C-alpha atoms as a PDB file:
ATOM      1  CA  MET A   1     -15.813 -71.805 -15.941  1.00  0.00           C
ATOM      2  CA  MET A   2     -16.704 -71.194 -12.313  1.00  0.00           C
ATOM      3  CA  THR A   3     -14.546 -68.959 -10.126  1.00  0.00           C
ATOM      4  CA  ARG A   4     -13.937 -70.259  -6.649  1.00  0.00           C
ATOM      5  CA  ILE A   5     -14.037 -67.603  -3.930  1.00  0.00           C
ATOM      6  CA  THR A   6     -11.479 -68.560  -1.368  1.00  0.00           C
ATOM      7  CA  THR A   7     -11.172 -67.459   2.240  1.00  0.00           C
ATOM      8  CA  LEU A   8      -8.056 -65.467   1.331  1.00  0.00           C
ATOM      9  CA  MET A   9      -9.923 -63.563  -1.363  1.00  0.00           C
ATOM     10  CA  THR A  10     -12.701 -62.727   1.048  1.00  0.00           C
ATOM     11  CA  SER A  11     -10.223 -61.557   3.675  1.00  0.00           C
ATOM     12  CA  ASN A  12      -8.385 -59.384   1.151  1.00  0.00           C
ATOM     13  CA  GLN A  13     -11.627 -57.817   0.001  1.00  0.00           C
ATOM     14  CA  ILE A  14     -12.664 -57.060   3.562  1.00  0.00           C
ATOM     15  CA  LEU A  15      -9.240 -55.627   4.380  1.00  0.00           C
ATOM     16  CA  SER A  16      -9.386 -53.414   1.286  1.00  0.00           C
ATOM     17  CA  GLU A  17     -12.769 -52.048   2.293  1.00  0.00           C
ATOM     18  CA  ILE A  18     -11.582 -51.402   5.841  1.00  0.00           C
ATOM     19  CA  ASN A  19      -8.472 -49.569   4.568  1.00  0.00           C
ATOM     20  CA  SER A  20     -10.581 -47.519   2.170  1.00  0.00           C
ATOM     21  CA  SER A  21     -12.987 -46.503   4.948  1.00  0.00           C
ATOM     22  CA  GLU A  22     -10.095 -45.663   7.238  1.00  0.00           C
ATOM     23  CA  SER A  23      -8.428 -43.525   4.547  1.00  0.00           C
ATOM     24  CA  ALA A  24     -11.634 -41.587   3.854  1.00  0.00           C
ATOM     25  CA  LEU A  25     -12.166 -41.072   7.578  1.00  0.00           C
ATOM     26  CA  SER A  26      -8.590 -39.855   8.015  1.00  0.00           C
ATOM     27  CA  ASN A  27      -8.931 -37.334   5.172  1.00  0.00           C
ATOM     28  CA  THR A  28     -12.171 -35.975   6.568  1.00  0.00           C
ATOM     29  CA  GLU A  29     -10.631 -35.764  10.034  1.00  0.00           C
ATOM     30  CA  GLU A  30      -7.785 -33.709   8.578  1.00  0.00           C
ATOM     31  CA  GLU A  31     -10.317 -31.382   6.907  1.00  0.00           C
ATOM     32  CA  LEU A  32     -12.025 -30.877  10.272  1.00  0.00           C
ATOM     33  CA  SER A  33      -8.700 -30.182  11.949  1.00  0.00           C
ATOM     34  CA  SER A  34      -7.341 -27.726   9.343  1.00  0.00           C
ATOM     35  CA  GLY A  35     -10.614 -26.290   8.067  1.00  0.00           C
ATOM     36  CA  LEU A  36      -9.345 -26.871   4.516  1.00  0.00           C
ATOM     37  CA  THR A  37     -10.470 -29.215   1.774  1.00  0.00           C
ATOM     38  CA  ILE A  38      -7.007 -29.129   0.191  1.00  0.00           C
ATOM     39  CA  ASN A  39      -4.203 -30.061   2.558  1.00  0.00           C
ATOM     40  CA  GLN A  40      -1.872 -31.373  -0.128  1.00  0.00           C
ATOM     41  CA  PRO A  41      -1.995 -31.060  -3.939  1.00  0.00           C
ATOM     42  CA  SER A  42      -3.055 -34.689  -4.358  1.00  0.00           C
ATOM     43  CA  ASP A  43      -6.333 -33.932  -2.549  1.00  0.00           C
ATOM     44  CA  ASN A  44      -7.492 -31.850  -5.527  1.00  0.00           C
ATOM     45  CA  PRO A  45      -4.858 -31.083  -8.195  1.00  0.00           C
ATOM     46  CA  TYR A  46      -7.055 -28.610 -10.067  1.00  0.00           C
ATOM     47  CA  GLY A  47      -8.160 -26.875  -6.874  1.00  0.00           C
ATOM     48  CA  ALA A  48      -4.543 -26.714  -5.645  1.00  0.00           C
ATOM     49  CA  ALA A  49      -3.425 -25.081  -8.906  1.00  0.00           C
ATOM     50  CA  LEU A  50      -6.300 -22.607  -8.688  1.00  0.00           C
ATOM     51  CA  ALA A  51      -5.354 -21.790  -5.077  1.00  0.00           C
ATOM     52  CA  VAL A  52      -1.772 -20.991  -6.167  1.00  0.00           C
ATOM     53  CA  GLN A  53      -3.133 -18.670  -8.857  1.00  0.00           C
ATOM     54  CA  LEU A  54      -5.557 -16.937  -6.495  1.00  0.00           C
ATOM     55  CA  ASN A  55      -2.893 -16.500  -3.808  1.00  0.00           C
ATOM     56  CA  GLY A  56      -0.638 -14.919  -6.423  1.00  0.00           C
ATOM     57  CA  GLN A  57      -3.378 -12.477  -7.420  1.00  0.00           C
ATOM     58  CA  LEU A  58      -4.073 -11.635  -3.782  1.00  0.00           C
ATOM     59  CA  SER A  59      -0.367 -11.023  -3.094  1.00  0.00           C
ATOM     60  CA  GLN A  60      -0.139  -8.658  -6.065  1.00  0.00           C
ATOM     61  CA  LEU A  61      -3.263  -6.778  -4.967  1.00  0.00           C
ATOM     62  CA  ASN A  62      -1.775  -6.425  -1.487  1.00  0.00           C
ATOM     63  CA  ASP A  63       1.408  -4.989  -3.014  1.00  0.00           C
ATOM     64  CA  TYR A  64      -0.604  -2.429  -4.979  1.00  0.00           C
ATOM     65  CA  ASN A  65      -2.543  -1.512  -1.847  1.00  0.00           C
ATOM     66  CA  ASN A  66       0.697  -1.055   0.117  1.00  0.00           C
ATOM     67  CA  ASN A  67       1.986   1.222  -2.656  1.00  0.00           C
ATOM     68  CA  ILE A  68      -1.177   3.300  -2.381  1.00  0.00           C
ATOM     69  CA  THR A  69      -0.830   3.588   1.390  1.00  0.00           C
ATOM     70  CA  ASP A  70       2.780   4.688   0.960  1.00  0.00           C
ATOM     71  CA  GLY A  71       1.862   7.111  -1.822  1.00  0.00           C
ATOM     72  CA  GLN A  72      -0.929   8.669   0.244  1.00  0.00           C
ATOM     73  CA  ALA A  73       1.441   9.227   3.161  1.00  0.00           C
ATOM     74  CA  TRP A  74       3.957  10.776   0.740  1.00  0.00           C
ATOM     75  CA  THR A  75       1.431  13.215  -0.766  1.00  0.00           C
ATOM     76  CA  SER A  76       0.039  14.025   2.680  1.00  0.00           C
ATOM     77  CA  THR A  77       3.507  15.046   3.880  1.00  0.00           C
ATOM     78  CA  ALA A  78       4.083  17.130   0.748  1.00  0.00           C
ATOM     79  CA  THR A  79       0.655  18.776   1.029  1.00  0.00           C
ATOM     80  CA  SER A  80       1.250  19.781   4.654  1.00  0.00           C
ATOM     81  CA  ALA A  81       4.638  21.247   3.756  1.00  0.00           C
ATOM     82  CA  LEU A  82       3.170  23.201   0.837  1.00  0.00           C
ATOM     83  CA  ASN A  83       0.430  24.571   3.088  1.00  0.00           C
ATOM     84  CA  SER A  84       3.057  25.799   5.513  1.00  0.00           C
ATOM     85  CA  ILE A  85       5.100  27.395   2.722  1.00  0.00           C
ATOM     86  CA  GLN A  86       2.010  29.113   1.323  1.00  0.00           C
ATOM     87  CA  GLN A  87       1.195  30.557   4.734  1.00  0.00           C
ATOM     88  CA  GLN A  88       4.728  31.880   5.100  1.00  0.00           C
ATOM     89  CA  VAL A  89       4.649  33.483   1.644  1.00  0.00           C
ATOM     90  CA  GLN A  90       1.283  35.063   2.451  1.00  0.00           C
ATOM     91  CA  LEU A  91       2.809  36.490   5.628  1.00  0.00           C
ATOM     92  CA  ALA A  92       5.653  37.909   3.559  1.00  0.00           C
ATOM     93  CA  GLN A  93       3.093  39.344   1.164  1.00  0.00           C
ATOM     94  CA  GLU A  94       1.380  41.164   4.054  1.00  0.00           C
ATOM     95  CA  LEU A  95       4.714  42.491   5.294  1.00  0.00           C
ATOM     96  CA  VAL A  96       5.641  43.752   1.829  1.00  0.00           C
ATOM     97  CA  THR A  97       2.283  45.493   1.498  1.00  0.00           C
ATOM     98  CA  LYS A  98       2.811  47.084   4.900  1.00  0.00           C
ATOM     99  CA  ALA A  99       6.345  48.183   3.991  1.00  0.00           C
ATOM    100  CA  GLY A 100       5.174  49.671   0.712  1.00  0.00           C
ATOM    101  CA  ASN A 101       2.814  52.129   2.381  1.00  0.00           C
ATOM    102  CA  GLY A 102       5.622  54.680   2.541  1.00  0.00           C
ATOM    103  CA  ASP A 103       5.097  55.734   6.140  1.00  0.00           C
ATOM    104  CA  MET A 104       7.718  53.556   7.824  1.00  0.00           C
ATOM    105  CA  SER A 105      11.171  54.536   9.016  1.00  0.00           C
ATOM    106  CA  ALA A 106      14.333  52.979   7.638  1.00  0.00           C
ATOM    107  CA  SER A 107      14.753  51.113  10.917  1.00  0.00           C
ATOM    108  CA  ASP A 108      11.248  49.651  10.680  1.00  0.00           C
ATOM    109  CA  LEU A 109      11.826  48.648   7.067  1.00  0.00           C
ATOM    110  CA  SER A 110      15.075  46.962   8.077  1.00  0.00           C
ATOM    111  CA  ASP A 111      13.238  45.008  10.773  1.00  0.00           C
ATOM    112  CA  ILE A 112      10.723  43.799   8.200  1.00  0.00           C
ATOM    113  CA  GLY A 113      13.610  42.849   5.929  1.00  0.00           C
ATOM    114  CA  GLU A 114      15.122  40.730   8.705  1.00  0.00           C
ATOM    115  CA  GLU A 115      11.740  39.091   9.294  1.00  0.00           C
ATOM    116  CA  ILE A 116      11.504  38.228   5.624  1.00  0.00           C
ATOM    117  CA  ASN A 117      15.003  36.741   5.790  1.00  0.00           C
ATOM    118  CA  GLN A 118      13.734  34.521   8.597  1.00  0.00           C
ATOM    119  CA  ILE A 119      10.777  33.548   6.416  1.00  0.00           C
ATOM    120  CA  VAL A 120      13.197  32.569   3.633  1.00  0.00           C
ATOM    121  CA  SER A 121      15.123  30.334   6.045  1.00  0.00           C
ATOM    122  CA  SER A 122      11.897  28.820   7.332  1.00  0.00           C
ATOM    123  CA  ILE A 123      10.673  28.099   3.789  1.00  0.00           C
ATOM    124  CA  GLN A 124      13.957  26.386   2.939  1.00  0.00           C
ATOM    125  CA  SER A 125      13.671  24.274   6.089  1.00  0.00           C
ATOM    126  CA  THR A 126      10.058  23.336   5.327  1.00  0.00           C
ATOM    127  CA  ALA A 127      11.032  22.443   1.758  1.00  0.00           C
ATOM    128  CA  ASN A 128      13.311  19.787   3.233  1.00  0.00           C
ATOM    129  CA  ALA A 129      10.322  17.862   4.614  1.00  0.00           C
ATOM    130  CA  GLN A 130      10.769  14.090   4.901  1.00  0.00           C
ATOM    131  CA  TYR A 131       8.544  11.050   4.885  1.00  0.00           C
ATOM    132  CA  ASP A 132       9.971   7.808   6.231  1.00  0.00           C
ATOM    133  CA  GLY A 133      13.509   9.212   6.002  1.00  0.00           C
ATOM    134  CA  GLN A 134      13.075  10.378   2.390  1.00  0.00           C
ATOM    135  CA  TYR A 135      12.978  13.965   1.170  1.00  0.00           C
ATOM    136  CA  VAL A 136       9.634  14.453  -0.581  1.00  0.00           C
ATOM    137  CA  PHE A 137      10.709  17.434  -2.725  1.00  0.00           C
ATOM    138  CA  SER A 138      14.009  16.052  -4.047  1.00  0.00           C
ATOM    139  CA  GLY A 139      12.500  14.049  -6.887  1.00  0.00           C
ATOM    140  CA  THR A 140      14.146  10.654  -7.181  1.00  0.00           C
ATOM    141  CA  SER A 141      17.180  11.886  -5.197  1.00  0.00           C
ATOM    142  CA  THR A 142      15.277  11.080  -2.023  1.00  0.00           C
ATOM    143  CA  SER A 143      18.378  10.825   0.179  1.00  0.00           C
ATOM    144  CA  THR A 144      19.535  14.360  -0.698  1.00  0.00           C
ATOM    145  CA  ALA A 145      18.029  17.443   0.952  1.00  0.00           C
ATOM    146  CA  PRO A 146      16.462  19.550  -1.818  1.00  0.00           C
ATOM    147  CA  TYR A 147      17.752  22.872  -0.460  1.00  0.00           C
ATOM    148  CA  ASP A 148      21.045  23.705   1.210  1.00  0.00           C
ATOM    149  CA  SER A 149      21.556  26.563   3.678  1.00  0.00           C
ATOM    150  CA  SER A 150      22.281  28.962   0.798  1.00  0.00           C
ATOM    151  CA  GLY A 151      18.981  28.223  -0.901  1.00  0.00           C
ATOM    152  CA  ASN A 152      20.461  26.185  -3.761  1.00  0.00           C
ATOM    153  CA  TYR A 153      18.333  23.365  -5.136  1.00  0.00           C
ATOM    154  CA  GLN A 154      20.159  20.023  -4.983  1.00  0.00           C
ATOM    155  CA  GLY A 155      17.365  17.605  -5.823  1.00  0.00           C
ATOM    156  CA  SER A 156      16.379  15.862  -9.034  1.00  0.00           C
ATOM    157  CA  THR A 157      13.678  16.890 -11.503  1.00  0.00           C
ATOM    158  CA  SER A 158      12.800  13.219 -12.059  1.00  0.00           C
ATOM    159  CA  MET A 159       9.522  12.419 -10.339  1.00  0.00           C
ATOM    160  CA  VAL A 160       8.741   9.691  -7.797  1.00  0.00           C
ATOM    161  CA  THR A 161       6.045   7.228  -8.879  1.00  0.00           C
ATOM    162  CA  ARG A 162       4.083   4.376  -7.332  1.00  0.00           C
ATOM    163  CA  GLN A 163       2.475   1.443  -9.157  1.00  0.00           C
ATOM    164  CA  ILE A 164      -1.127   1.172  -7.978  1.00  0.00           C
ATOM    165  CA  GLY A 165      -2.416  -1.433 -10.423  1.00  0.00           C
ATOM    166  CA  PRO A 166      -1.553  -3.422 -13.563  1.00  0.00           C
ATOM    167  CA  ASN A 167       0.057  -0.893 -15.932  1.00  0.00           C
ATOM    168  CA  ALA A 168      -1.158   1.911 -13.633  1.00  0.00           C
ATOM    169  CA  ASN A 169       1.357   4.323 -12.111  1.00  0.00           C
ATOM    170  CA  VAL A 170       0.887   7.662 -10.370  1.00  0.00           C
ATOM    171  CA  THR A 171       3.374  10.449  -9.738  1.00  0.00           C
ATOM    172  CA  VAL A 172       3.383  11.214  -6.011  1.00  0.00           C
ATOM    173  CA  SER A 173       5.985  13.995  -6.035  1.00  0.00           C
ATOM    174  CA  VAL A 174       5.950  17.543  -7.399  1.00  0.00           C
ATOM    175  CA  ASN A 175       8.771  19.775  -8.563  1.00  0.00           C
ATOM    176  CA  LEU A 176       8.854  22.408  -5.808  1.00  0.00           C
ATOM    177  CA  SER A 177      11.807  24.151  -7.436  1.00  0.00           C
ATOM    178  CA  ASP A 178       9.386  25.313 -10.167  1.00  0.00           C
ATOM    179  CA  ALA A 179       7.812  27.582  -7.551  1.00  0.00           C
ATOM    180  CA  LEU A 180      10.671  28.295  -5.153  1.00  0.00           C
ATOM    181  CA  GLY A 181      13.559  28.400  -7.608  1.00  0.00           C
ATOM    182  CA  THR A 182      16.723  29.334  -5.729  1.00  0.00           C
ATOM    183  CA  SER A 183      17.757  32.312  -3.637  1.00  0.00           C
ATOM    184  CA  SER A 184      20.068  33.566  -6.390  1.00  0.00           C
ATOM    185  CA  THR A 185      18.104  32.981  -9.597  1.00  0.00           C
ATOM    186  CA  THR A 186      14.339  33.092 -10.069  1.00  0.00           C
ATOM    187  CA  GLY A 187      11.302  31.982  -8.092  1.00  0.00           C
ATOM    188  CA  LEU A 188       9.947  32.795  -4.655  1.00  0.00           C
ATOM    189  CA  LEU A 189      13.231  32.406  -2.789  1.00  0.00           C
ATOM    190  CA  SER A 190      14.939  34.856  -5.116  1.00  0.00           C
ATOM    191  CA  THR A 191      12.020  37.292  -4.904  1.00  0.00           C
ATOM    192  CA  LEU A 192      11.943  37.198  -1.109  1.00  0.00           C
ATOM    193  CA  SER A 193      15.730  37.491  -0.815  1.00  0.00           C
ATOM    194  CA  ASN A 194      15.731  40.544  -3.097  1.00  0.00           C
ATOM    195  CA  ILE A 195      12.927  42.141  -1.096  1.00  0.00           C
ATOM    196  CA  ALA A 196      14.826  41.539   2.157  1.00  0.00           C
ATOM    197  CA  THR A 197      17.924  43.143   0.647  1.00  0.00           C
ATOM    198  CA  GLN A 198      15.953  46.203  -0.458  1.00  0.00           C
ATOM    199  CA  LEU A 199      14.545  46.667   3.022  1.00  0.00           C
ATOM    200  CA  THR A 200      17.678  46.029   5.066  1.00  0.00           C
ATOM    201  CA  THR A 201      19.971  48.168   2.895  1.00  0.00           C
ATOM    202  CA  ASP A 202      17.503  51.021   2.445  1.00  0.00           C
ATOM    203  CA  SER A 203      17.925  50.740  -1.330  1.00  0.00           C
ATOM    204  CA  GLY A 204      14.408  51.920  -2.104  1.00  0.00           C
ATOM    205  CA  THR A 205      10.872  50.604  -1.839  1.00  0.00           C
ATOM    206  CA  SER A 206       9.483  51.564  -5.213  1.00  0.00           C
ATOM    207  CA  ALA A 207       9.280  47.962  -6.385  1.00  0.00           C
ATOM    208  CA  LEU A 208       7.412  46.706  -3.298  1.00  0.00           C
ATOM    209  CA  ASN A 209       3.938  47.645  -4.507  1.00  0.00           C
ATOM    210  CA  THR A 210       4.594  46.689  -8.117  1.00  0.00           C
ATOM    211  CA  THR A 211       6.909  43.959  -9.351  1.00  0.00           C
ATOM    212  CA  ASP A 212       7.604  42.487  -5.907  1.00  0.00           C
ATOM    213  CA  LEU A 213       3.944  41.890  -5.062  1.00  0.00           C
ATOM    214  CA  THR A 214       3.318  40.626  -8.583  1.00  0.00           C
ATOM    215  CA  ASP A 215       6.200  38.152  -8.295  1.00  0.00           C
ATOM    216  CA  LEU A 216       4.974  36.975  -4.897  1.00  0.00           C
ATOM    217  CA  GLN A 217       1.487  36.377  -6.277  1.00  0.00           C
ATOM    218  CA  THR A 218       2.959  34.473  -9.222  1.00  0.00           C
ATOM    219  CA  GLY A 219       4.838  32.286  -6.751  1.00  0.00           C
ATOM    220  CA  LEU A 220       1.679  31.686  -4.717  1.00  0.00           C
ATOM    221  CA  ASN A 221      -0.132  30.684  -7.906  1.00  0.00           C
ATOM    222  CA  SER A 222       2.647  28.189  -8.636  1.00  0.00           C
ATOM    223  CA  LEU A 223       2.309  26.722  -5.136  1.00  0.00           C
ATOM    224  CA  SER A 224      -1.453  26.406  -5.628  1.00  0.00           C
ATOM    225  CA  SER A 225      -0.831  24.579  -8.888  1.00  0.00           C
ATOM    226  CA  LEU A 226       1.410  22.088  -7.079  1.00  0.00           C
ATOM    227  CA  GLN A 227      -1.308  21.604  -4.446  1.00  0.00           C
ATOM    228  CA  THR A 228      -3.790  20.869  -7.226  1.00  0.00           C
ATOM    229  CA  GLN A 229      -1.458  18.241  -8.667  1.00  0.00           C
ATOM    230  CA  LEU A 230      -1.138  16.532  -5.291  1.00  0.00           C
ATOM    231  CA  GLY A 231      -4.893  16.707  -4.760  1.00  0.00           C
ATOM    232  CA  ALA A 232      -5.558  15.026  -8.110  1.00  0.00           C
ATOM    233  CA  THR A 233      -3.030  12.300  -7.305  1.00  0.00           C
ATOM    234  CA  THR A 234      -4.583  11.717  -3.881  1.00  0.00           C
ATOM    235  CA  SER A 235      -8.053  11.394  -5.428  1.00  0.00           C
ATOM    236  CA  GLN A 236      -6.732   8.939  -8.008  1.00  0.00           C
ATOM    237  CA  MET A 237      -5.159   6.788  -5.287  1.00  0.00           C
ATOM    238  CA  THR A 238      -8.345   6.899  -3.197  1.00  0.00           C
ATOM    239  CA  MET A 239     -10.402   5.589  -6.122  1.00  0.00           C
ATOM    240  CA  ALA A 240      -7.793   2.935  -6.881  1.00  0.00           C
ATOM    241  CA  SER A 241      -7.819   1.850  -3.235  1.00  0.00           C
ATOM    242  CA  SER A 242     -11.590   1.350  -3.356  1.00  0.00           C
ATOM    243  CA  THR A 243     -11.305  -0.719  -6.532  1.00  0.00           C
ATOM    244  CA  LEU A 244      -8.501  -2.824  -5.052  1.00  0.00           C
ATOM    245  CA  SER A 245     -10.543  -3.434  -1.906  1.00  0.00           C
ATOM    246  CA  ASP A 246     -13.411  -4.825  -3.994  1.00  0.00           C
ATOM    247  CA  MET A 247     -10.997  -7.019  -5.959  1.00  0.00           C
ATOM    248  CA  GLN A 248      -9.364  -8.297  -2.756  1.00  0.00           C
ATOM    249  CA  THR A 249     -12.769  -9.222  -1.364  1.00  0.00           C
ATOM    250  CA  SER A 250     -13.676 -11.077  -4.561  1.00  0.00           C
ATOM    251  CA  VAL A 251     -10.392 -13.011  -4.786  1.00  0.00           C
ATOM    252  CA  THR A 252     -10.492 -13.849  -1.070  1.00  0.00           C
ATOM    253  CA  SER A 253     -14.016 -15.204  -1.508  1.00  0.00           C
ATOM    254  CA  ASP A 254     -12.943 -17.333  -4.495  1.00  0.00           C
ATOM    255  CA  LEU A 255      -9.979 -18.666  -2.527  1.00  0.00           C
ATOM    256  CA  SER A 256     -12.233 -19.492   0.405  1.00  0.00           C
ATOM    257  CA  ASN A 257     -14.671 -21.355  -1.824  1.00  0.00           C
ATOM    258  CA  ASP A 258     -11.788 -23.266  -3.392  1.00  0.00           C
ATOM    259  CA  THR A 259      -9.915 -24.342  -0.276  1.00  0.00           C
ATOM    260  CA  GLU A 260     -12.015 -23.944   2.854  1.00  0.00           C
ATOM    261  CA  ALA A 261     -14.189 -26.757   4.133  1.00  0.00           C
ATOM    262  CA  ASN A 262     -17.885 -26.396   4.863  1.00  0.00           C
ATOM    263  CA  MET A 263     -17.643 -27.422   8.482  1.00  0.00           C
ATOM    264  CA  ALA A 264     -21.296 -28.465   8.882  1.00  0.00           C
ATOM    265  CA  THR A 265     -21.135 -30.688   5.803  1.00  0.00           C
ATOM    266  CA  THR A 266     -17.722 -32.039   6.770  1.00  0.00           C
ATOM    267  CA  GLU A 267     -18.902 -32.941  10.277  1.00  0.00           C
ATOM    268  CA  THR A 268     -21.860 -34.833   8.798  1.00  0.00           C
ATOM    269  CA  THR A 269     -19.550 -36.633   6.377  1.00  0.00           C
ATOM    270  CA  TYR A 270     -17.212 -37.511   9.225  1.00  0.00           C
ATOM    271  CA  SER A 271     -20.047 -39.024  11.273  1.00  0.00           C
ATOM    272  CA  ASN A 272     -21.213 -41.119   8.312  1.00  0.00           C
ATOM    273  CA  GLU A 273     -17.702 -42.299   7.486  1.00  0.00           C
ATOM    274  CA  GLU A 274     -16.994 -43.118  11.122  1.00  0.00           C
ATOM    275  CA  ALA A 275     -20.145 -45.251  11.262  1.00  0.00           C
ATOM    276  CA  ALA A 276     -19.215 -46.958   7.995  1.00  0.00           C
ATOM    277  CA  PHE A 277     -15.706 -47.678   9.277  1.00  0.00           C
ATOM    278  CA  GLU A 278     -16.990 -49.211  12.505  1.00  0.00           C
ATOM    279  CA  ALA A 279     -19.495 -51.292  10.559  1.00  0.00           C
ATOM    280  CA  ALA A 280     -16.744 -52.516   8.252  1.00  0.00           C
ATOM    281  CA  LEU A 281     -14.642 -53.536  11.248  1.00  0.00           C
ATOM    282  CA  LYS A 282     -17.528 -55.444  12.820  1.00  0.00           C
ATOM    283  CA  ALA A 283     -18.472 -57.146   9.552  1.00  0.00           C
ATOM    284  CA  GLY A 284     -14.866 -58.035   8.882  1.00  0.00           C
ATOM    285  CA  ALA A 285     -14.403 -59.490  12.337  1.00  0.00           C
ATOM    286  CA  SER A 286     -17.540 -61.591  11.977  1.00  0.00           C
ATOM    287  CA  ILE A 287     -16.673 -62.943   8.539  1.00  0.00           C
ATOM    288  CA  VAL A 288     -13.046 -63.662   9.351  1.00  0.00           C
ATOM    289  CA  GLN A 289     -14.080 -65.423  12.569  1.00  0.00           C
ATOM    290  CA  SER A 290     -16.599 -67.610  10.669  1.00  0.00           C
ATOM    291  CA  SER A 291     -14.010 -68.475   8.057  1.00  0.00           C
ATOM    292  CA  LEU A 292     -11.586 -69.519  10.768  1.00  0.00           C
ATOM    293  CA  MET A 293     -14.204 -71.729  12.436  1.00  0.00           C
ATOM    294  CA  ASP A 294     -15.026 -73.328   9.081  1.00  0.00           C
ATOM    295  CA  PHE A 295     -11.361 -74.017   8.525  1.00  0.00           C
ATOM    296  CA  LEU A 296     -10.977 -75.611  11.974  1.00  0.00           C
ATOM    297  CA  SER A 297     -14.128 -77.704  11.544  1.00  0.00           C
ATOM    298  CA  SER A 298     -12.983 -79.119   8.223  1.00  0.00           C
ATOM    299  CA  ASN A 299      -9.815 -80.334   9.838  1.00  0.00           C
END
């Protein structure tokens, strides 16, 4: 059985080809305009799903990196404060050594005692250091100043942590009260307060060159231990930051390969499709015109 090709069938075929060429040209034009091969999920369902996954990974990596930046600023603030406290304790240590020589008057000893009292107040003030409105030595009680004016510790012993990777957390705070204690119990604040009392009340200096200096050195060792903890945490975050940077570069590259158009190739494709579209229009116009003439002639 023979199939008769009618004028209508020919016209429909030509129109379909013209529409197809126009659609391809429009898609390529959109790629050129946006620089993306995927402008809606229907362009490439698999590629669109992959882009969602890669964007999710990149967002998570950015969050980890932000946590590292925050953690580094936190430990930097704490490290600076500890350095200041160490320097003040070392000054007190020098004053105690000087006072223990035995050749100073009661008035001079009292003056040193007052200076040490000032050091105690300064240490308490430094211990209340803040980063971004949060007290860095209060543990998780970041809105509460760790030390009040009487030298009492008011913070928490629970440590502040930051997540810097999948199942990877670091502790960015240290328990300063381990070294300072309070002014009325044990630790550096108590040691310094007792020394100041000895000197200002002329209650004897026999302990200055023995237990007092020993206790001060023990406190300095505790401060050094806290510095070591912060240094280890900072190094860990620095290494994690480098790893995250490499991962971000890799994921960004994968995302680019998945969604971004090769502009040189796309421009070539656009030129070819534009030529094909124009050719289809010309061919369609010629064929439709001939069909119309044939129809008129037969009538």
